[in-house]
């Protein structure tokens, strides 16, 4: 069960977003992210407008770091961590994907579902 002390921004808690990647190892791909009220997160690649098979991780953290910016992070079962800043004023994403001795800056846009 997720730790109740882990911060979860009301801005994303219980909501779904599509991340459209412009740079990084998934450039050109879109992933749907569902931030569940229990603190878990589900995500999967979107193809032909539909989300495919979704993976679910036990916990995510989300910090309000400014009036329009939320910092989100979760550790995937693959061993990779995704940490992104979601800027709600321009719907841009900036962050880092890292794991297994690798580190990748990532950027893109997001939209609510």
PDB file of N, CA and C in Angstrom:
ATOM      1  N   UNK A   1       0.843  -1.179   0.000  1.00  0.00           N
ATOM      2  CA  UNK A   1       0.000   0.000   0.000  1.00  0.00           C
ATOM      3  C   UNK A   1       0.888   1.242   0.000  1.00  0.00           C
ATOM      4  N   UNK A   2       0.534   2.262  -0.809  1.00  0.00           N
ATOM      5  CA  UNK A   2       1.352   3.466  -0.867  1.00  0.00           C
ATOM      6  C   UNK A   2       1.424   4.174   0.484  1.00  0.00           C
ATOM      7  N   UNK A   3       2.539   4.843   0.705  1.00  0.00           N
ATOM      8  CA  UNK A   3       2.757   5.613   1.918  1.00  0.00           C
ATOM      9  C   UNK A   3       1.894   6.868   1.873  1.00  0.00           C
ATOM     10  N   UNK A   4       1.035   7.055   2.875  1.00  0.00           N
ATOM     11  CA  UNK A   4       0.124   8.199   2.911  1.00  0.00           C
ATOM     12  C   UNK A   4       0.871   9.520   3.044  1.00  0.00           C
ATOM     13  N   UNK A   5       2.143   9.485   3.438  1.00  0.00           N
ATOM     14  CA  UNK A   5       2.916  10.713   3.616  1.00  0.00           C
ATOM     15  C   UNK A   5       3.528  11.224   2.310  1.00  0.00           C
ATOM     16  N   UNK A   6       3.473  10.453   1.247  1.00  0.00           N
ATOM     17  CA  UNK A   6       4.025  10.872  -0.033  1.00  0.00           C
ATOM     18  C   UNK A   6       3.117  11.962  -0.605  1.00  0.00           C
ATOM     19  N   UNK A   7       3.681  13.115  -0.979  1.00  0.00           N
ATOM     20  CA  UNK A   7       2.845  14.205  -1.488  1.00  0.00           C
ATOM     21  C   UNK A   7       2.215  13.873  -2.831  1.00  0.00           C
ATOM     22  N   UNK A   8       0.955  14.251  -2.963  1.00  0.00           N
ATOM     23  CA  UNK A   8       0.233  14.072  -4.224  1.00  0.00           C
ATOM     24  C   UNK A   8      -0.582  15.333  -4.477  1.00  0.00           C
ATOM     25  N   UNK A   9      -0.202  16.063  -5.481  1.00  0.00           N
ATOM     26  CA  UNK A   9      -0.858  17.312  -5.830  1.00  0.00           C
ATOM     27  C   UNK A   9      -2.312  17.073  -6.224  1.00  0.00           C
ATOM     28  N   UNK A  10      -3.203  17.895  -5.694  1.00  0.00           N
ATOM     29  CA  UNK A  10      -4.616  17.827  -6.073  1.00  0.00           C
ATOM     30  C   UNK A  10      -4.802  18.132  -7.554  1.00  0.00           C
ATOM     31  N   UNK A  11      -3.814  18.774  -8.149  1.00  0.00           N
ATOM     32  CA  UNK A  11      -3.899  19.133  -9.560  1.00  0.00           C
ATOM     33  C   UNK A  11      -3.884  17.894 -10.464  1.00  0.00           C
ATOM     34  N   UNK A  12      -3.257  16.810 -10.012  1.00  0.00           N
ATOM     35  CA  UNK A  12      -3.222  15.600 -10.847  1.00  0.00           C
ATOM     36  C   UNK A  12      -3.864  14.385 -10.182  1.00  0.00           C
ATOM     37  N   UNK A  13      -4.008  14.394  -8.870  1.00  0.00           N
ATOM     38  CA  UNK A  13      -4.550  13.245  -8.142  1.00  0.00           C
ATOM     39  C   UNK A  13      -5.946  12.903  -8.650  1.00  0.00           C
ATOM     40  N   UNK A  14      -6.131  11.651  -9.105  1.00  0.00           N
ATOM     41  CA  UNK A  14      -7.423  11.201  -9.612  1.00  0.00           C
ATOM     42  C   UNK A  14      -7.706  11.603 -11.049  1.00  0.00           C
ATOM     43  N   UNK A  15      -6.692  12.101 -11.749  1.00  0.00           N
ATOM     44  CA  UNK A  15      -6.894  12.582 -13.123  1.00  0.00           C
ATOM     45  C   UNK A  15      -6.017  11.817 -14.105  1.00  0.00           C
ATOM     46  N   UNK A  16      -6.325  11.991 -15.396  1.00  0.00           N
ATOM     47  CA  UNK A  16      -5.576  11.343 -16.479  1.00  0.00           C
ATOM     48  C   UNK A  16      -5.006  12.397 -17.419  1.00  0.00           C
ATOM     49  N   UNK A  17      -3.796  12.132 -17.897  1.00  0.00           N
ATOM     50  CA  UNK A  17      -3.127  13.037 -18.833  1.00  0.00           C
ATOM     51  C   UNK A  17      -2.425  12.223 -19.904  1.00  0.00           C
ATOM     52  N   UNK A  18      -2.333  12.812 -21.077  1.00  0.00           N
ATOM     53  CA  UNK A  18      -1.534  12.220 -22.152  1.00  0.00           C
ATOM     54  C   UNK A  18      -0.267  13.037 -22.300  1.00  0.00           C
ATOM     55  N   UNK A  19       0.882  12.344 -22.249  1.00  0.00           N
ATOM     56  CA  UNK A  19       2.184  12.961 -22.423  1.00  0.00           C
ATOM     57  C   UNK A  19       2.623  12.687 -23.856  1.00  0.00           C
ATOM     58  N   UNK A  20       2.853  13.735 -24.634  1.00  0.00           N
ATOM     59  CA  UNK A  20       3.338  13.618 -26.005  1.00  0.00           C
ATOM     60  C   UNK A  20       4.799  14.034 -26.006  1.00  0.00           C
ATOM     61  N   UNK A  21       5.685  13.071 -26.260  1.00  0.00           N
ATOM     62  CA  UNK A  21       7.110  13.291 -26.122  1.00  0.00           C
ATOM     63  C   UNK A  21       7.720  13.879 -27.381  1.00  0.00           C
ATOM     64  N   UNK A  22       8.436  15.000 -27.233  1.00  0.00           N
ATOM     65  CA  UNK A  22       9.124  15.650 -28.346  1.00  0.00           C
ATOM     66  C   UNK A  22      10.605  15.339 -28.377  1.00  0.00           C
ATOM     67  N   UNK A  23      11.161  14.925 -27.209  1.00  0.00           N
ATOM     68  CA  UNK A  23      12.567  14.562 -27.154  1.00  0.00           C
ATOM     69  C   UNK A  23      12.770  13.496 -26.091  1.00  0.00           C
ATOM     70  N   UNK A  24      13.915  12.831 -26.176  1.00  0.00           N
ATOM     71  CA  UNK A  24      14.206  11.738 -25.262  1.00  0.00           C
ATOM     72  C   UNK A  24      14.019  10.403 -25.957  1.00  0.00           C
ATOM     73  N   UNK A  25      14.176   9.302 -25.218  1.00  0.00           N
ATOM     74  CA  UNK A  25      14.125   7.971 -25.836  1.00  0.00           C
ATOM     75  C   UNK A  25      12.748   7.603 -26.391  1.00  0.00           C
ATOM     76  N   UNK A  26      11.699   8.298 -25.969  1.00  0.00           N
ATOM     77  CA  UNK A  26      10.349   8.000 -26.477  1.00  0.00           C
ATOM     78  C   UNK A  26       9.830   9.131 -27.375  1.00  0.00           C
ATOM     79  N   UNK A  27      10.731   9.925 -27.953  1.00  0.00           N
ATOM     80  CA  UNK A  27      10.331  11.020 -28.845  1.00  0.00           C
ATOM     81  C   UNK A  27       9.395  10.489 -29.930  1.00  0.00           C
ATOM     82  N   UNK A  28       8.312  11.222 -30.159  1.00  0.00           N
ATOM     83  CA  UNK A  28       7.335  10.833 -31.165  1.00  0.00           C
ATOM     84  C   UNK A  28       6.226   9.937 -30.629  1.00  0.00           C
ATOM     85  N   UNK A  29       6.361   9.465 -29.405  1.00  0.00           N
ATOM     86  CA  UNK A  29       5.339   8.611 -28.800  1.00  0.00           C
ATOM     87  C   UNK A  29       4.443   9.422 -27.860  1.00  0.00           C
ATOM     88  N   UNK A  30       3.282   8.869 -27.594  1.00  0.00           N
ATOM     89  CA  UNK A  30       2.339   9.439 -26.629  1.00  0.00           C
ATOM     90  C   UNK A  30       2.039   8.365 -25.601  1.00  0.00           C
ATOM     91  N   UNK A  31       2.034   8.756 -24.326  1.00  0.00           N
ATOM     92  CA  UNK A  31       1.709   7.838 -23.232  1.00  0.00           C
ATOM     93  C   UNK A  31       0.598   8.426 -22.384  1.00  0.00           C
ATOM     94  N   UNK A  32      -0.378   7.610 -22.086  1.00  0.00           N
ATOM     95  CA  UNK A  32      -1.438   8.020 -21.167  1.00  0.00           C
ATOM     96  C   UNK A  32      -0.993   7.687 -19.747  1.00  0.00           C
ATOM     97  N   UNK A  33      -1.233   8.623 -18.833  1.00  0.00           N
ATOM     98  CA  UNK A  33      -0.933   8.447 -17.409  1.00  0.00           C
ATOM     99  C   UNK A  33      -2.206   8.674 -16.614  1.00  0.00           C
ATOM    100  N   UNK A  34      -2.538   7.716 -15.771  1.00  0.00           N
ATOM    101  CA  UNK A  34      -3.705   7.821 -14.889  1.00  0.00           C
ATOM    102  C   UNK A  34      -3.178   7.850 -13.462  1.00  0.00           C
ATOM    103  N   UNK A  35      -3.387   8.977 -12.782  1.00  0.00           N
ATOM    104  CA  UNK A  35      -2.922   9.163 -11.410  1.00  0.00           C
ATOM    105  C   UNK A  35      -4.084   8.846 -10.476  1.00  0.00           C
ATOM    106  N   UNK A  36      -4.094   7.636  -9.952  1.00  0.00           N
ATOM    107  CA  UNK A  36      -5.215   7.132  -9.153  1.00  0.00           C
ATOM    108  C   UNK A  36      -5.241   7.772  -7.759  1.00  0.00           C
ATOM    109  N   UNK A  37      -6.449   7.938  -7.196  1.00  0.00           N
ATOM    110  CA  UNK A  37      -6.583   8.528  -5.856  1.00  0.00           C
ATOM    111  C   UNK A  37      -5.881   7.736  -4.751  1.00  0.00           C
ATOM    112  N   UNK A  38      -5.598   6.454  -4.983  1.00  0.00           N
ATOM    113  CA  UNK A  38      -4.911   5.663  -3.954  1.00  0.00           C
ATOM    114  C   UNK A  38      -3.400   5.862  -3.980  1.00  0.00           C
ATOM    115  N   UNK A  39      -2.898   6.727  -4.890  1.00  0.00           N
ATOM    116  CA  UNK A  39      -1.471   7.008  -4.964  1.00  0.00           C
ATOM    117  C   UNK A  39      -0.726   6.191  -5.998  1.00  0.00           C
ATOM    118  N   UNK A  40      -1.418   5.274  -6.678  1.00  0.00           N
ATOM    119  CA  UNK A  40      -0.772   4.495  -7.735  1.00  0.00           C
ATOM    120  C   UNK A  40      -0.890   5.256  -9.061  1.00  0.00           C
ATOM    121  N   UNK A  41      -0.099   4.835 -10.034  1.00  0.00           N
ATOM    122  CA  UNK A  41      -0.144   5.436 -11.366  1.00  0.00           C
ATOM    123  C   UNK A  41      -0.138   4.325 -12.404  1.00  0.00           C
ATOM    124  N   UNK A  42      -0.986   4.462 -13.410  1.00  0.00           N
ATOM    125  CA  UNK A  42      -1.016   3.536 -14.544  1.00  0.00           C
ATOM    126  C   UNK A  42      -0.588   4.314 -15.783  1.00  0.00           C
ATOM    127  N   UNK A  43       0.123   3.636 -16.690  1.00  0.00           N
ATOM    128  CA  UNK A  43       0.591   4.319 -17.892  1.00  0.00           C
ATOM    129  C   UNK A  43       0.754   3.306 -19.018  1.00  0.00           C
ATOM    130  N   UNK A  44       0.578   3.797 -20.230  1.00  0.00           N
ATOM    131  CA  UNK A  44       0.743   2.948 -21.396  1.00  0.00           C
ATOM    132  C   UNK A  44       0.802   3.784 -22.657  1.00  0.00           C
ATOM    133  N   UNK A  45       1.374   3.208 -23.694  1.00  0.00           N
ATOM    134  CA  UNK A  45       1.509   3.912 -24.964  1.00  0.00           C
ATOM    135  C   UNK A  45       0.155   4.044 -25.650  1.00  0.00           C
ATOM    136  N   UNK A  46      -0.043   5.186 -26.298  1.00  0.00           N
ATOM    137  CA  UNK A  46      -1.258   5.457 -27.060  1.00  0.00           C
ATOM    138  C   UNK A  46      -0.944   5.237 -28.535  1.00  0.00           C
ATOM    139  N   UNK A  47      -1.770   4.411 -29.177  1.00  0.00           N
ATOM    140  CA  UNK A  47      -1.636   4.177 -30.618  1.00  0.00           C
ATOM    141  C   UNK A  47      -3.001   4.329 -31.249  1.00  0.00           C
ATOM    142  N   UNK A  48      -3.040   5.016 -32.375  1.00  0.00           N
ATOM    143  CA  UNK A  48      -4.294   5.262 -33.082  1.00  0.00           C
ATOM    144  C   UNK A  48      -5.339   5.867 -32.149  1.00  0.00           C
ATOM    145  N   UNK A  49      -4.890   6.743 -31.243  1.00  0.00           N
ATOM    146  CA  UNK A  49      -5.795   7.457 -30.352  1.00  0.00           C
ATOM    147  C   UNK A  49      -6.268   6.679 -29.137  1.00  0.00           C
ATOM    148  N   UNK A  50      -5.852   5.417 -29.009  1.00  0.00           N
ATOM    149  CA  UNK A  50      -6.303   4.581 -27.896  1.00  0.00           C
ATOM    150  C   UNK A  50      -5.114   4.134 -27.050  1.00  0.00           C
ATOM    151  N   UNK A  51      -5.283   4.194 -25.735  1.00  0.00           N
ATOM    152  CA  UNK A  51      -4.247   3.689 -24.834  1.00  0.00           C
ATOM    153  C   UNK A  51      -4.234   2.173 -24.908  1.00  0.00           C
ATOM    154  N   UNK A  52      -3.046   1.611 -25.015  1.00  0.00           N
ATOM    155  CA  UNK A  52      -2.891   0.161 -25.057  1.00  0.00           C
ATOM    156  C   UNK A  52      -2.818  -0.402 -23.650  1.00  0.00           C
ATOM    157  N   UNK A  53      -2.122  -1.517 -23.534  1.00  0.00           N
ATOM    158  CA  UNK A  53      -1.961  -2.167 -22.239  1.00  0.00           C
ATOM    159  C   UNK A  53      -1.269  -1.212 -21.273  1.00  0.00           C
ATOM    160  N   UNK A  54      -1.807  -1.127 -20.069  1.00  0.00           N
ATOM    161  CA  UNK A  54      -1.287  -0.197 -19.070  1.00  0.00           C
ATOM    162  C   UNK A  54      -0.527  -0.963 -17.988  1.00  0.00           C
ATOM    163  N   UNK A  55       0.620  -0.401 -17.600  1.00  0.00           N
ATOM    164  CA  UNK A  55       1.354  -0.888 -16.430  1.00  0.00           C
ATOM    165  C   UNK A  55       0.907  -0.038 -15.250  1.00  0.00           C
ATOM    166  N   UNK A  56       0.901  -0.609 -14.063  1.00  0.00           N
ATOM    167  CA  UNK A  56       0.532   0.141 -12.865  1.00  0.00           C
ATOM    168  C   UNK A  56       1.642   0.026 -11.836  1.00  0.00           C
ATOM    169  N   UNK A  57       2.047   1.186 -11.323  1.00  0.00           N
ATOM    170  CA  UNK A  57       3.056   1.248 -10.272  1.00  0.00           C
ATOM    171  C   UNK A  57       2.368   1.636  -8.970  1.00  0.00           C
ATOM    172  N   UNK A  58       2.913   1.162  -7.858  1.00  0.00           N
ATOM    173  CA  UNK A  58       2.271   1.337  -6.555  1.00  0.00           C
ATOM    174  C   UNK A  58       2.198   2.772  -6.083  1.00  0.00           C
ATOM    175  N   UNK A  59       3.132   3.615  -6.540  1.00  0.00           N
ATOM    176  CA  UNK A  59       3.204   4.930  -5.925  1.00  0.00           C
ATOM    177  C   UNK A  59       3.813   5.972  -6.851  1.00  0.00           C
ATOM    178  N   UNK A  60       3.283   7.165  -6.780  1.00  0.00           N
ATOM    179  CA  UNK A  60       3.887   8.325  -7.428  1.00  0.00           C
ATOM    180  C   UNK A  60       3.920   9.453  -6.405  1.00  0.00           C
ATOM    181  N   UNK A  61       4.788  10.425  -6.641  1.00  0.00           N
ATOM    182  CA  UNK A  61       4.831  11.639  -5.834  1.00  0.00           C
ATOM    183  C   UNK A  61       4.557  12.807  -6.762  1.00  0.00           C
ATOM    184  N   UNK A  62       3.867  13.816  -6.261  1.00  0.00           N
ATOM    185  CA  UNK A  62       3.573  15.010  -7.048  1.00  0.00           C
ATOM    186  C   UNK A  62       3.599  16.225  -6.129  1.00  0.00           C
ATOM    187  N   UNK A  63       4.509  17.145  -6.424  1.00  0.00           N
ATOM    188  CA  UNK A  63       4.706  18.339  -5.618  1.00  0.00           C
ATOM    189  C   UNK A  63       4.260  19.571  -6.393  1.00  0.00           C
ATOM    190  N   UNK A  64       3.497  20.451  -5.779  1.00  0.00           N
ATOM    191  CA  UNK A  64       3.218  21.762  -6.361  1.00  0.00           C
ATOM    192  C   UNK A  64       4.463  22.610  -6.114  1.00  0.00           C
ATOM    193  N   UNK A  65       5.182  22.970  -7.170  1.00  0.00           N
ATOM    194  CA  UNK A  65       6.412  23.742  -7.012  1.00  0.00           C
ATOM    195  C   UNK A  65       6.251  25.192  -7.446  1.00  0.00           C
ATOM    196  N   UNK A  66       5.096  25.548  -7.916  1.00  0.00           N
ATOM    197  CA  UNK A  66       4.778  26.911  -8.319  1.00  0.00           C
ATOM    198  C   UNK A  66       3.295  26.984  -8.608  1.00  0.00           C
ATOM    199  N   UNK A  67       2.786  28.175  -8.875  1.00  0.00           N
ATOM    200  CA  UNK A  67       1.345  28.318  -9.105  1.00  0.00           C
ATOM    201  C   UNK A  67       0.808  27.455 -10.249  1.00  0.00           C
ATOM    202  N   UNK A  68       1.655  27.204 -11.256  1.00  0.00           N
ATOM    203  CA  UNK A  68       1.220  26.442 -12.425  1.00  0.00           C
ATOM    204  C   UNK A  68       2.114  25.260 -12.745  1.00  0.00           C
ATOM    205  N   UNK A  69       2.968  24.835 -11.799  1.00  0.00           N
ATOM    206  CA  UNK A  69       3.919  23.761 -12.078  1.00  0.00           C
ATOM    207  C   UNK A  69       3.824  22.673 -11.013  1.00  0.00           C
ATOM    208  N   UNK A  70       3.699  21.433 -11.492  1.00  0.00           N
ATOM    209  CA  UNK A  70       3.682  20.260 -10.618  1.00  0.00           C
ATOM    210  C   UNK A  70       4.842  19.361 -11.030  1.00  0.00           C
ATOM    211  N   UNK A  71       5.644  18.953 -10.049  1.00  0.00           N
ATOM    212  CA  UNK A  71       6.736  18.015 -10.279  1.00  0.00           C
ATOM    213  C   UNK A  71       6.236  16.621  -9.935  1.00  0.00           C
ATOM    214  N   UNK A  72       6.298  15.696 -10.906  1.00  0.00           N
ATOM    215  CA  UNK A  72       5.776  14.342 -10.751  1.00  0.00           C
ATOM    216  C   UNK A  72       6.915  13.343 -10.928  1.00  0.00           C
ATOM    217  N   UNK A  73       6.925  12.295 -10.097  1.00  0.00           N
ATOM    218  CA  UNK A  73       7.950  11.272 -10.225  1.00  0.00           C
ATOM    219  C   UNK A  73       7.401   9.920  -9.812  1.00  0.00           C
ATOM    220  N   UNK A  74       7.829   8.882 -10.544  1.00  0.00           N
ATOM    221  CA  UNK A  74       7.510   7.510 -10.144  1.00  0.00           C
ATOM    222  C   UNK A  74       8.586   6.569 -10.667  1.00  0.00           C
ATOM    223  N   UNK A  75       8.739   5.461  -9.960  1.00  0.00           N
ATOM    224  CA  UNK A  75       9.678   4.403 -10.329  1.00  0.00           C
ATOM    225  C   UNK A  75       8.895   3.300 -11.021  1.00  0.00           C
ATOM    226  N   UNK A  76       9.262   3.016 -12.266  1.00  0.00           N
ATOM    227  CA  UNK A  76       8.603   1.953 -13.014  1.00  0.00           C
ATOM    228  C   UNK A  76       9.166   0.590 -12.667  1.00  0.00           C
ATOM    229  N   UNK A  77       8.395  -0.441 -12.894  1.00  0.00           N
ATOM    230  CA  UNK A  77       8.843  -1.804 -12.620  1.00  0.00           C
ATOM    231  C   UNK A  77      10.032  -2.188 -13.497  1.00  0.00           C
ATOM    232  N   UNK A  78      10.260  -1.437 -14.575  1.00  0.00           N
ATOM    233  CA  UNK A  78      11.410  -1.669 -15.451  1.00  0.00           C
ATOM    234  C   UNK A  78      12.712  -1.222 -14.790  1.00  0.00           C
ATOM    235  N   UNK A  79      12.594  -0.490 -13.667  1.00  0.00           N
ATOM    236  CA  UNK A  79      13.775   0.041 -12.994  1.00  0.00           C
ATOM    237  C   UNK A  79      14.093   1.468 -13.394  1.00  0.00           C
ATOM    238  N   UNK A  80      13.297   2.030 -14.288  1.00  0.00           N
ATOM    239  CA  UNK A  80      13.485   3.411 -14.711  1.00  0.00           C
ATOM    240  C   UNK A  80      12.580   4.332 -13.904  1.00  0.00           C
ATOM    241  N   UNK A  81      13.097   5.514 -13.604  1.00  0.00           N
ATOM    242  CA  UNK A  81      12.330   6.542 -12.923  1.00  0.00           C
ATOM    243  C   UNK A  81      12.034   7.654 -13.916  1.00  0.00           C
ATOM    244  N   UNK A  82      10.790   8.120 -13.926  1.00  0.00           N
ATOM    245  CA  UNK A  82      10.414   9.282 -14.719  1.00  0.00           C
ATOM    246  C   UNK A  82      10.116  10.412 -13.747  1.00  0.00           C
ATOM    247  N   UNK A  83      10.776  11.532 -13.950  1.00  0.00           N
ATOM    248  CA  UNK A  83      10.521  12.738 -13.165  1.00  0.00           C
ATOM    249  C   UNK A  83      10.298  13.876 -14.146  1.00  0.00           C
ATOM    250  N   UNK A  84       9.114  14.491 -14.100  1.00  0.00           N
ATOM    251  CA  UNK A  84       8.796  15.575 -15.026  1.00  0.00           C
ATOM    252  C   UNK A  84       8.135  16.732 -14.295  1.00  0.00           C
ATOM    253  N   UNK A  85       8.400  17.923 -14.811  1.00  0.00           N
ATOM    254  CA  UNK A  85       7.696  19.122 -14.380  1.00  0.00           C
ATOM    255  C   UNK A  85       6.589  19.378 -15.393  1.00  0.00           C
ATOM    256  N   UNK A  86       5.352  19.423 -14.913  1.00  0.00           N
ATOM    257  CA  UNK A  86       4.188  19.697 -15.758  1.00  0.00           C
ATOM    258  C   UNK A  86       3.833  21.169 -15.583  1.00  0.00           C
ATOM    259  N   UNK A  87       3.990  21.961 -16.631  1.00  0.00           N
ATOM    260  CA  UNK A  87       3.682  23.387 -16.575  1.00  0.00           C
ATOM    261  C   UNK A  87       2.265  23.590 -17.111  1.00  0.00           C
ATOM    262  N   UNK A  88       1.334  23.903 -16.229  1.00  0.00           N
ATOM    263  CA  UNK A  88      -0.070  24.022 -16.609  1.00  0.00           C
ATOM    264  C   UNK A  88      -0.386  25.329 -17.337  1.00  0.00           C
ATOM    265  N   UNK A  89       0.544  26.285 -17.346  1.00  0.00           N
ATOM    266  CA  UNK A  89       0.280  27.529 -18.083  1.00  0.00           C
ATOM    267  C   UNK A  89       0.518  27.360 -19.577  1.00  0.00           C
ATOM    268  N   UNK A  90       1.460  26.471 -19.960  1.00  0.00           N
ATOM    269  CA  UNK A  90       1.703  26.257 -21.392  1.00  0.00           C
ATOM    270  C   UNK A  90       1.621  24.786 -21.805  1.00  0.00           C
ATOM    271  N   UNK A  91       1.287  23.898 -20.866  1.00  0.00           N
ATOM    272  CA  UNK A  91       1.118  22.457 -21.110  1.00  0.00           C
ATOM    273  C   UNK A  91       2.385  21.783 -21.650  1.00  0.00           C
ATOM    274  N   UNK A  92       3.534  22.258 -21.171  1.00  0.00           N
ATOM    275  CA  UNK A  92       4.814  21.645 -21.543  1.00  0.00           C
ATOM    276  C   UNK A  92       5.317  20.769 -20.410  1.00  0.00           C
ATOM    277  N   UNK A  93       6.054  19.729 -20.803  1.00  0.00           N
ATOM    278  CA  UNK A  93       6.722  18.803 -19.877  1.00  0.00           C
ATOM    279  C   UNK A  93       8.229  18.957 -20.041  1.00  0.00           C
ATOM    280  N   UNK A  94       8.938  18.927 -18.930  1.00  0.00           N
ATOM    281  CA  UNK A  94      10.398  18.885 -18.961  1.00  0.00           C
ATOM    282  C   UNK A  94      10.831  17.977 -17.831  1.00  0.00           C
ATOM    283  N   UNK A  95      11.788  17.094 -18.094  1.00  0.00           N
ATOM    284  CA  UNK A  95      12.210  16.211 -17.026  1.00  0.00           C
ATOM    285  C   UNK A  95      13.350  15.296 -17.415  1.00  0.00           C
ATOM    286  N   UNK A  96      13.423  14.195 -16.646  1.00  0.00           N
ATOM    287  CA  UNK A  96      14.500  13.226 -16.806  1.00  0.00           C
ATOM    288  C   UNK A  96      13.936  11.815 -16.635  1.00  0.00           C
ATOM    289  N   UNK A  97      14.350  10.925 -17.508  1.00  0.00           N
ATOM    290  CA  UNK A  97      14.104   9.488 -17.345  1.00  0.00           C
ATOM    291  C   UNK A  97      15.460   8.867 -17.040  1.00  0.00           C
ATOM    292  N   UNK A  98      15.526   8.060 -15.980  1.00  0.00           N
ATOM    293  CA  UNK A  98      16.820   7.501 -15.603  1.00  0.00           C
ATOM    294  C   UNK A  98      16.665   6.115 -15.012  1.00  0.00           C
ATOM    295  N   UNK A  99      17.723   5.338 -15.135  1.00  0.00           N
ATOM    296  CA  UNK A  99      17.755   4.001 -14.559  1.00  0.00           C
ATOM    297  C   UNK A  99      18.801   3.147 -15.231  1.00  0.00           C
ATOM    298  N   UNK A 100      19.193   2.082 -14.578  1.00  0.00           N
ATOM    299  CA  UNK A 100      20.154   1.132 -15.127  1.00  0.00           C
ATOM    300  C   UNK A 100      21.397   1.831 -15.667  1.00  0.00           C
ATOM    301  N   UNK A 101      21.861   2.863 -14.935  1.00  0.00           N
ATOM    302  CA  UNK A 101      23.059   3.579 -15.334  1.00  0.00           C
ATOM    303  C   UNK A 101      22.874   4.518 -16.510  1.00  0.00           C
ATOM    304  N   UNK A 102      21.623   4.769 -16.900  1.00  0.00           N
ATOM    305  CA  UNK A 102      21.340   5.651 -18.028  1.00  0.00           C
ATOM    306  C   UNK A 102      20.556   6.867 -17.541  1.00  0.00           C
ATOM    307  N   UNK A 103      20.686   7.970 -18.283  1.00  0.00           N
ATOM    308  CA  UNK A 103      20.051   9.225 -17.911  1.00  0.00           C
ATOM    309  C   UNK A 103      19.678   9.954 -19.190  1.00  0.00           C
ATOM    310  N   UNK A 104      18.391  10.345 -19.323  1.00  0.00           N
ATOM    311  CA  UNK A 104      17.918  10.986 -20.549  1.00  0.00           C
ATOM    312  C   UNK A 104      17.068  12.205 -20.222  1.00  0.00           C
ATOM    313  N   UNK A 105      17.452  13.404 -20.683  1.00  0.00           N
ATOM    314  CA  UNK A 105      16.533  14.534 -20.598  1.00  0.00           C
ATOM    315  C   UNK A 105      15.338  14.244 -21.514  1.00  0.00           C
ATOM    316  N   UNK A 106      14.146  14.636 -21.080  1.00  0.00           N
ATOM    317  CA  UNK A 106      12.925  14.440 -21.867  1.00  0.00           C
ATOM    318  C   UNK A 106      12.124  15.740 -21.886  1.00  0.00           C
ATOM    319  N   UNK A 107      11.354  15.924 -22.938  1.00  0.00           N
ATOM    320  CA  UNK A 107      10.504  17.110 -23.048  1.00  0.00           C
ATOM    321  C   UNK A 107       9.338  16.770 -23.957  1.00  0.00           C
ATOM    322  N   UNK A 108       8.262  17.519 -23.798  1.00  0.00           N
ATOM    323  CA  UNK A 108       7.082  17.318 -24.630  1.00  0.00           C
ATOM    324  C   UNK A 108       5.948  18.205 -24.161  1.00  0.00           C
ATOM    325  N   UNK A 109       4.759  17.771 -24.456  1.00  0.00           N
ATOM    326  CA  UNK A 109       3.552  18.484 -24.048  1.00  0.00           C
ATOM    327  C   UNK A 109       2.587  17.492 -23.388  1.00  0.00           C
ATOM    328  N   UNK A 110       1.567  18.033 -22.722  1.00  0.00           N
ATOM    329  CA  UNK A 110       0.557  17.160 -22.135  1.00  0.00           C
ATOM    330  C   UNK A 110      -0.824  17.758 -22.302  1.00  0.00           C
ATOM    331  N   UNK A 111      -1.809  16.876 -22.242  1.00  0.00           N
ATOM    332  CA  UNK A 111      -3.209  17.288 -22.287  1.00  0.00           C
ATOM    333  C   UNK A 111      -3.996  16.424 -21.311  1.00  0.00           C
ATOM    334  N   UNK A 112      -5.070  17.003 -20.779  1.00  0.00           N
ATOM    335  CA  UNK A 112      -5.900  16.247 -19.830  1.00  0.00           C
ATOM    336  C   UNK A 112      -6.857  15.371 -20.612  1.00  0.00           C
ATOM    337  N   UNK A 113      -7.283  14.284 -19.958  1.00  0.00           N
ATOM    338  CA  UNK A 113      -8.207  13.328 -20.581  1.00  0.00           C
ATOM    339  C   UNK A 113      -9.526  13.362 -19.876  1.00  0.00           C
TER     340      UNK A 113
END
